[in-house]
N, C-alpha and C. Protein backbone atom coordinates (compact mmCIF):
# COMPACT_ATOMS: atom_id res chain seq x y z
N UNK A 1 -198.51 130.54 -66.91
CA UNK A 1 -197.40 129.74 -66.43
C UNK A 1 -196.15 130.61 -66.37
N UNK A 2 -195.47 130.59 -65.25
CA UNK A 2 -194.25 131.38 -65.11
C UNK A 2 -193.09 130.64 -65.73
N UNK A 3 -191.98 131.36 -65.92
CA UNK A 3 -190.79 130.73 -66.46
C UNK A 3 -190.28 129.62 -65.57
N UNK A 4 -190.42 129.78 -64.27
CA UNK A 4 -189.97 128.75 -63.34
C UNK A 4 -190.77 127.46 -63.51
N UNK A 5 -192.04 127.56 -63.78
CA UNK A 5 -192.87 126.37 -63.94
C UNK A 5 -192.60 125.67 -65.27
N UNK A 6 -192.18 126.39 -66.28
CA UNK A 6 -191.94 125.78 -67.58
C UNK A 6 -190.53 125.19 -67.69
N UNK A 7 -189.68 125.45 -66.72
CA UNK A 7 -188.31 124.91 -66.75
C UNK A 7 -188.36 123.41 -66.54
N UNK A 8 -187.67 122.68 -67.38
CA UNK A 8 -187.65 121.23 -67.28
C UNK A 8 -186.19 120.78 -67.32
N UNK A 9 -185.77 120.02 -66.30
CA UNK A 9 -184.40 119.52 -66.24
C UNK A 9 -184.24 118.43 -67.29
N UNK A 10 -183.18 118.55 -68.07
CA UNK A 10 -182.92 117.55 -69.09
C UNK A 10 -181.76 116.67 -68.65
N UNK A 11 -181.99 115.36 -68.66
CA UNK A 11 -180.94 114.41 -68.33
C UNK A 11 -179.85 114.45 -69.39
N UNK A 12 -178.59 114.27 -68.98
CA UNK A 12 -177.52 114.20 -69.99
C UNK A 12 -177.74 113.00 -70.91
N UNK A 13 -177.33 113.12 -72.13
CA UNK A 13 -177.44 112.02 -73.10
C UNK A 13 -176.43 110.95 -72.70
N UNK A 14 -176.90 109.73 -72.55
CA UNK A 14 -176.06 108.62 -72.14
C UNK A 14 -175.39 107.98 -73.35
N UNK A 15 -174.08 107.82 -73.27
CA UNK A 15 -173.33 107.17 -74.34
C UNK A 15 -172.71 105.90 -73.76
N UNK A 16 -173.25 104.71 -74.11
CA UNK A 16 -172.70 103.47 -73.58
C UNK A 16 -171.45 103.02 -74.34
N UNK A 17 -170.46 102.56 -73.59
CA UNK A 17 -169.23 102.00 -74.16
C UNK A 17 -169.03 100.64 -73.52
N UNK A 18 -168.90 99.61 -74.35
CA UNK A 18 -168.70 98.25 -73.85
C UNK A 18 -167.28 97.82 -74.21
N UNK A 19 -166.51 97.48 -73.18
CA UNK A 19 -165.14 97.00 -73.39
C UNK A 19 -165.12 95.48 -73.24
N UNK A 20 -164.59 94.80 -74.26
CA UNK A 20 -164.34 93.37 -74.20
C UNK A 20 -162.83 93.20 -74.15
N UNK A 21 -162.31 92.81 -73.00
CA UNK A 21 -160.87 92.78 -72.79
C UNK A 21 -160.34 91.35 -72.79
N UNK A 22 -159.35 91.10 -73.60
CA UNK A 22 -158.71 89.79 -73.69
C UNK A 22 -157.75 89.62 -72.51
N UNK A 23 -158.06 88.68 -71.62
CA UNK A 23 -157.18 88.39 -70.49
C UNK A 23 -156.64 86.97 -70.59
N UNK A 24 -156.58 86.44 -71.82
CA UNK A 24 -156.07 85.08 -72.01
C UNK A 24 -154.56 85.06 -71.82
N UNK A 25 -154.02 83.86 -71.72
CA UNK A 25 -152.59 83.68 -71.46
C UNK A 25 -151.68 84.37 -72.46
N UNK A 26 -152.11 84.46 -73.71
CA UNK A 26 -151.27 85.10 -74.73
C UNK A 26 -151.02 86.57 -74.42
N UNK A 27 -151.86 87.18 -73.61
CA UNK A 27 -151.68 88.60 -73.26
C UNK A 27 -150.51 88.82 -72.28
N UNK A 28 -149.99 87.73 -71.71
CA UNK A 28 -148.84 87.89 -70.81
C UNK A 28 -147.53 88.09 -71.59
N UNK A 29 -147.52 87.78 -72.87
CA UNK A 29 -146.32 87.94 -73.69
C UNK A 29 -146.04 89.42 -73.96
N UNK A 30 -144.79 89.77 -73.92
CA UNK A 30 -144.32 91.11 -74.29
C UNK A 30 -144.99 92.24 -73.52
N UNK A 31 -145.50 91.98 -72.34
CA UNK A 31 -146.12 93.02 -71.52
C UNK A 31 -147.46 93.51 -72.05
N UNK A 32 -148.12 92.71 -72.89
CA UNK A 32 -149.38 93.15 -73.50
C UNK A 32 -150.45 93.45 -72.46
N UNK A 33 -150.54 92.66 -71.39
CA UNK A 33 -151.57 92.88 -70.38
C UNK A 33 -151.33 94.21 -69.66
N UNK A 34 -150.06 94.56 -69.45
CA UNK A 34 -149.73 95.84 -68.81
C UNK A 34 -150.12 97.02 -69.71
N UNK A 35 -149.88 96.88 -71.00
CA UNK A 35 -150.26 97.93 -71.96
C UNK A 35 -151.78 98.07 -71.97
N UNK A 36 -152.49 96.93 -71.95
CA UNK A 36 -153.95 96.99 -71.96
C UNK A 36 -154.47 97.69 -70.70
N UNK A 37 -153.95 97.29 -69.54
CA UNK A 37 -154.38 97.92 -68.28
C UNK A 37 -154.14 99.42 -68.29
N UNK A 38 -152.97 99.83 -68.74
CA UNK A 38 -152.63 101.25 -68.82
C UNK A 38 -153.56 101.97 -69.79
N UNK A 39 -153.82 101.35 -70.93
CA UNK A 39 -154.69 101.96 -71.94
C UNK A 39 -156.12 102.12 -71.43
N UNK A 40 -156.63 101.12 -70.72
CA UNK A 40 -157.99 101.21 -70.18
C UNK A 40 -158.07 102.35 -69.17
N UNK A 41 -157.08 102.47 -68.30
CA UNK A 41 -157.08 103.55 -67.31
C UNK A 41 -157.05 104.92 -68.00
N UNK A 42 -156.22 105.05 -69.03
CA UNK A 42 -156.15 106.31 -69.78
C UNK A 42 -157.49 106.62 -70.43
N UNK A 43 -158.12 105.62 -71.04
CA UNK A 43 -159.42 105.81 -71.67
C UNK A 43 -160.47 106.22 -70.65
N UNK A 44 -160.51 105.56 -69.49
CA UNK A 44 -161.49 105.89 -68.46
C UNK A 44 -161.28 107.30 -67.92
N UNK A 45 -160.02 107.71 -67.77
CA UNK A 45 -159.73 109.08 -67.33
C UNK A 45 -160.27 110.08 -68.34
N UNK A 46 -160.05 109.81 -69.62
CA UNK A 46 -160.53 110.70 -70.66
C UNK A 46 -162.06 110.74 -70.68
N UNK A 47 -162.70 109.58 -70.57
CA UNK A 47 -164.16 109.53 -70.53
C UNK A 47 -164.69 110.30 -69.32
N UNK A 48 -164.07 110.11 -68.16
CA UNK A 48 -164.53 110.79 -66.94
C UNK A 48 -164.43 112.31 -67.09
N UNK A 49 -163.41 112.78 -67.79
CA UNK A 49 -163.25 114.22 -67.97
C UNK A 49 -164.26 114.79 -68.97
N UNK A 50 -164.88 113.94 -69.78
CA UNK A 50 -165.85 114.39 -70.78
C UNK A 50 -167.27 114.53 -70.24
N UNK A 51 -167.54 113.92 -69.08
CA UNK A 51 -168.90 114.00 -68.53
C UNK A 51 -169.25 115.44 -68.18
N UNK A 52 -170.43 115.86 -68.58
CA UNK A 52 -170.92 117.19 -68.24
C UNK A 52 -172.44 117.14 -68.23
N UNK A 53 -173.07 118.28 -68.32
CA UNK A 53 -174.53 118.33 -68.30
C UNK A 53 -175.16 117.82 -69.59
N UNK A 54 -174.37 117.70 -70.65
CA UNK A 54 -174.91 117.28 -71.94
C UNK A 54 -174.74 115.80 -72.23
N UNK A 55 -173.61 115.21 -71.77
CA UNK A 55 -173.38 113.79 -72.03
C UNK A 55 -172.90 113.10 -70.76
N UNK A 56 -173.20 111.81 -70.70
CA UNK A 56 -172.72 110.96 -69.61
C UNK A 56 -172.23 109.66 -70.24
N UNK A 57 -170.93 109.45 -70.25
CA UNK A 57 -170.37 108.23 -70.82
C UNK A 57 -170.47 107.14 -69.77
N UNK A 58 -171.07 106.02 -70.15
CA UNK A 58 -171.20 104.88 -69.25
C UNK A 58 -170.42 103.72 -69.84
N UNK A 59 -169.72 102.98 -68.97
CA UNK A 59 -168.81 101.93 -69.41
C UNK A 59 -169.19 100.61 -68.75
N UNK A 60 -169.20 99.55 -69.55
CA UNK A 60 -169.33 98.19 -69.05
C UNK A 60 -168.05 97.46 -69.46
N UNK A 61 -167.53 96.62 -68.56
CA UNK A 61 -166.28 95.91 -68.85
C UNK A 61 -166.51 94.41 -68.70
N UNK A 62 -166.15 93.68 -69.76
CA UNK A 62 -166.21 92.22 -69.77
C UNK A 62 -164.83 91.70 -70.14
N UNK A 63 -164.46 90.57 -69.56
CA UNK A 63 -163.18 89.94 -69.90
C UNK A 63 -163.44 88.54 -70.45
N UNK A 64 -162.51 88.08 -71.25
CA UNK A 64 -162.55 86.69 -71.72
C UNK A 64 -161.15 86.11 -71.64
N UNK A 65 -161.01 85.03 -70.89
CA UNK A 65 -159.77 84.33 -70.68
C UNK A 65 -159.45 84.23 -69.20
N UNK A 66 -159.44 83.10 -68.59
CA UNK A 66 -159.78 81.77 -69.12
C UNK A 66 -161.28 81.54 -69.25
N UNK A 67 -162.09 82.39 -68.64
CA UNK A 67 -163.54 82.30 -68.80
C UNK A 67 -164.09 83.70 -69.06
N UNK A 68 -165.39 83.79 -69.24
CA UNK A 68 -166.02 85.07 -69.54
C UNK A 68 -166.59 85.65 -68.25
N UNK A 69 -166.25 86.92 -67.96
CA UNK A 69 -166.71 87.56 -66.73
C UNK A 69 -167.16 88.98 -67.02
N UNK A 70 -168.17 89.39 -66.28
CA UNK A 70 -168.53 90.80 -66.27
C UNK A 70 -167.76 91.42 -65.11
N UNK A 71 -166.84 92.30 -65.41
CA UNK A 71 -166.03 92.96 -64.40
C UNK A 71 -166.75 94.18 -63.85
N UNK A 72 -167.50 94.85 -64.72
CA UNK A 72 -168.19 96.07 -64.32
C UNK A 72 -169.47 96.21 -65.14
N UNK A 73 -170.62 96.33 -64.48
CA UNK A 73 -171.85 96.58 -65.23
C UNK A 73 -171.82 98.01 -65.78
N UNK A 74 -172.76 98.34 -66.62
CA UNK A 74 -172.81 99.67 -67.21
C UNK A 74 -172.85 100.72 -66.10
N UNK A 75 -171.77 101.49 -66.00
CA UNK A 75 -171.51 102.42 -64.90
C UNK A 75 -170.98 103.72 -65.47
N UNK A 76 -171.25 104.84 -64.81
CA UNK A 76 -170.70 106.09 -65.32
C UNK A 76 -169.17 106.04 -65.27
N UNK A 77 -168.55 106.77 -66.17
CA UNK A 77 -167.10 106.68 -66.37
C UNK A 77 -166.30 107.05 -65.12
N UNK A 78 -166.80 107.98 -64.34
CA UNK A 78 -166.08 108.38 -63.12
C UNK A 78 -165.99 107.22 -62.14
N UNK A 79 -167.12 106.53 -61.93
CA UNK A 79 -167.12 105.37 -61.04
C UNK A 79 -166.31 104.22 -61.62
N UNK A 80 -166.38 104.05 -62.94
CA UNK A 80 -165.62 102.99 -63.59
C UNK A 80 -164.12 103.21 -63.37
N UNK A 81 -163.67 104.43 -63.47
CA UNK A 81 -162.26 104.75 -63.24
C UNK A 81 -161.84 104.40 -61.82
N UNK A 82 -162.69 104.73 -60.85
CA UNK A 82 -162.38 104.44 -59.45
C UNK A 82 -162.38 102.94 -59.17
N UNK A 83 -163.21 102.17 -59.85
CA UNK A 83 -163.38 100.76 -59.56
C UNK A 83 -162.47 99.84 -60.37
N UNK A 84 -161.88 100.33 -61.46
CA UNK A 84 -161.07 99.48 -62.32
C UNK A 84 -159.79 99.05 -61.60
N UNK A 85 -159.53 97.76 -61.64
CA UNK A 85 -158.29 97.21 -61.08
C UNK A 85 -157.56 96.46 -62.19
N UNK A 86 -156.23 96.52 -62.13
CA UNK A 86 -155.44 95.84 -63.15
C UNK A 86 -155.85 94.37 -63.26
N UNK A 87 -155.89 93.91 -64.50
CA UNK A 87 -156.26 92.54 -64.79
C UNK A 87 -155.00 91.72 -65.06
N UNK A 88 -155.08 90.42 -64.84
CA UNK A 88 -153.95 89.54 -65.13
C UNK A 88 -154.33 88.61 -66.28
N UNK A 89 -153.33 87.99 -66.88
CA UNK A 89 -153.54 87.15 -68.06
C UNK A 89 -153.28 85.69 -67.73
N UNK A 90 -154.24 84.83 -68.15
CA UNK A 90 -154.04 83.38 -68.09
C UNK A 90 -155.16 82.68 -68.83
N UNK A 91 -154.96 81.44 -69.18
CA UNK A 91 -155.99 80.60 -69.77
C UNK A 91 -156.21 80.81 -71.26
N UNK A 92 -157.33 80.25 -71.72
CA UNK A 92 -157.69 80.27 -73.13
C UNK A 92 -158.35 81.57 -73.55
N UNK A 93 -158.95 81.55 -74.74
CA UNK A 93 -159.53 82.76 -75.31
C UNK A 93 -160.98 82.50 -75.73
N UNK A 94 -161.93 82.52 -74.80
CA UNK A 94 -163.34 82.26 -75.16
C UNK A 94 -164.06 83.52 -75.69
N UNK A 95 -163.58 84.04 -76.81
CA UNK A 95 -164.16 85.25 -77.38
C UNK A 95 -165.64 85.08 -77.72
N UNK A 96 -166.01 83.93 -78.27
CA UNK A 96 -167.40 83.69 -78.64
C UNK A 96 -168.32 83.79 -77.44
N UNK A 97 -167.90 83.24 -76.30
CA UNK A 97 -168.69 83.32 -75.07
C UNK A 97 -168.85 84.75 -74.61
N UNK A 98 -167.81 85.55 -74.74
CA UNK A 98 -167.88 86.96 -74.33
C UNK A 98 -168.84 87.72 -75.23
N UNK A 99 -168.78 87.47 -76.52
CA UNK A 99 -169.68 88.16 -77.45
C UNK A 99 -171.14 87.79 -77.17
N UNK A 100 -171.40 86.51 -76.89
CA UNK A 100 -172.77 86.08 -76.57
C UNK A 100 -173.26 86.72 -75.27
N UNK A 101 -172.40 86.78 -74.25
CA UNK A 101 -172.80 87.36 -72.98
C UNK A 101 -173.18 88.83 -73.14
N UNK A 102 -172.36 89.57 -73.86
CA UNK A 102 -172.63 90.99 -74.08
C UNK A 102 -173.88 91.17 -74.94
N UNK A 103 -174.00 90.37 -75.98
CA UNK A 103 -175.18 90.47 -76.86
C UNK A 103 -176.46 90.20 -76.08
N UNK A 104 -176.50 89.10 -75.36
CA UNK A 104 -177.73 88.71 -74.65
C UNK A 104 -177.99 89.55 -73.41
N UNK A 105 -176.94 89.93 -72.70
CA UNK A 105 -177.14 90.62 -71.43
C UNK A 105 -177.16 92.14 -71.51
N UNK A 106 -176.65 92.71 -72.58
CA UNK A 106 -176.54 94.16 -72.63
C UNK A 106 -177.15 94.73 -73.91
N UNK A 107 -176.71 94.26 -75.04
CA UNK A 107 -177.13 94.86 -76.30
C UNK A 107 -178.61 94.60 -76.57
N UNK A 108 -179.08 93.40 -76.33
CA UNK A 108 -180.48 93.09 -76.61
C UNK A 108 -181.41 93.42 -75.46
N UNK A 109 -180.87 93.91 -74.35
CA UNK A 109 -181.70 94.31 -73.22
C UNK A 109 -182.29 95.68 -73.53
N UNK A 110 -183.59 95.73 -73.75
CA UNK A 110 -184.24 96.97 -74.19
C UNK A 110 -184.35 98.01 -73.08
N UNK A 111 -184.13 97.63 -71.83
CA UNK A 111 -184.18 98.58 -70.73
C UNK A 111 -182.87 99.27 -70.56
């Protein structure tokens, strides 16, 4: 067997990051929603810069308030940065629903 035949491409190690973002009405006070949006963008930029041949950071984004939504399925950080749009604040805070959605749809999904 030659060296070329024994070479095997190794996939980067995937590191999943799940963001649960509070978009309830209370986040509109004191510019909290703006700080959150800015912080998420900064985090995604940092994650995107960390991707290389050894690691691939993947991000899923869920919001809660006034209802629970999946904003972004598990996606590589570079695409997540391009797709993220500022969120607005309104409604209640269904944190329990968000935790159940992430638990059932992402964490317990063995694939």
